Protein backbone atom coordinates (compact mmCIF):
# COMPACT_ATOMS: atom_id res chain seq x y z
CA MET A 1 143.74 91.14 135.36
CA GLU A 2 141.78 89.10 137.86
CA LEU A 3 139.73 86.09 136.73
CA LYS A 4 136.24 85.62 138.11
CA PRO A 5 135.29 82.18 139.45
CA CYS A 6 133.77 79.69 137.05
CA PRO A 7 130.14 80.60 136.28
CA PHE A 8 129.18 76.91 136.34
CA CYS A 9 130.92 75.39 139.37
CA GLY A 10 132.55 78.37 141.13
CA GLY A 11 136.02 76.86 140.62
CA GLU A 12 139.29 78.62 139.95
CA ALA A 13 140.14 79.38 136.32
CA GLU A 14 143.48 79.70 134.56
CA PRO A 15 144.73 81.16 131.27
CA ILE A 16 146.05 78.59 128.80
CA ASP A 17 148.34 79.47 125.91
CA GLU A 18 147.43 77.17 123.02
CA LYS A 19 150.29 76.77 120.52
CA GLU A 20 149.75 75.98 116.85
CA VAL A 21 145.97 75.88 116.82
CA TYR A 22 144.14 74.57 113.76
CA THR A 23 140.44 75.25 113.31
CA ASP A 24 138.06 74.54 110.45
CA THR A 25 138.74 77.98 108.99
CA ALA A 26 142.18 79.12 110.16
CA TYR A 27 145.57 78.38 111.64
CA ALA A 28 147.17 80.47 114.37
CA SER A 29 150.57 80.05 115.98
CA GLU A 30 149.22 81.15 119.37
CA LEU A 31 145.76 81.60 120.84
CA TRP A 32 144.47 81.90 124.41
CA ILE A 33 141.60 80.34 126.33
CA ILE A 34 140.53 80.53 129.96
CA GLU A 35 139.62 77.18 131.48
CA CYS A 36 138.16 76.13 134.83
CA LYS A 37 140.53 73.84 136.75
CA ILE A 38 137.58 71.83 138.12
CA CYS A 39 134.92 71.40 135.41
CA GLN A 40 137.02 72.40 132.36
CA ALA A 41 134.50 75.00 131.17
CA SER A 42 136.35 77.34 128.81
CA THR A 43 136.14 80.36 126.58
CA SER A 44 136.44 80.24 122.84
CA PHE A 45 139.91 80.87 121.37
CA GLN A 46 141.06 84.50 121.63
CA LEU A 47 143.99 86.31 120.02
CA THR A 48 145.33 87.76 123.28
CA LYS A 49 145.39 86.75 126.93
CA GLU A 50 143.56 89.97 127.80
CA ASP A 51 140.77 89.20 125.31
CA ALA A 52 140.41 85.70 126.80
CA ILE A 53 140.17 87.12 130.33
CA ASN A 54 137.61 89.71 129.23
CA SER A 55 135.59 86.96 127.53
CA TRP A 56 135.70 84.78 130.68
CA ASN A 57 134.79 87.66 132.99
CA HIS A 58 131.90 88.89 130.82
CA ARG A 59 128.73 87.85 132.63
CA THR A 60 125.16 89.00 132.90
CA GLU A 61 124.11 90.38 136.28
CA GLU A 62 121.76 87.41 136.72
CA ASN A 63 124.69 84.95 136.40
CA ASN A 64 126.84 86.96 138.81
CA GLU A 65 124.18 86.77 141.51
CA ASN A 66 124.37 82.96 141.49
CA LEU A 67 128.09 82.90 142.44
């Protein structure tokens, strides 16, 4: 799946596999985020790489016009 540019700075994004993540409510051995290489904007933690990409790529039409 292709990643859209960062909605904030237009930079390139990359998937990051977070190992052994602890949150206030849960522990997971593996979660995914997408993070901009320039400004470090990121998605929330997702269970799969595909879910993280879908979360990153989900934009309103108004936001897409600004890129």
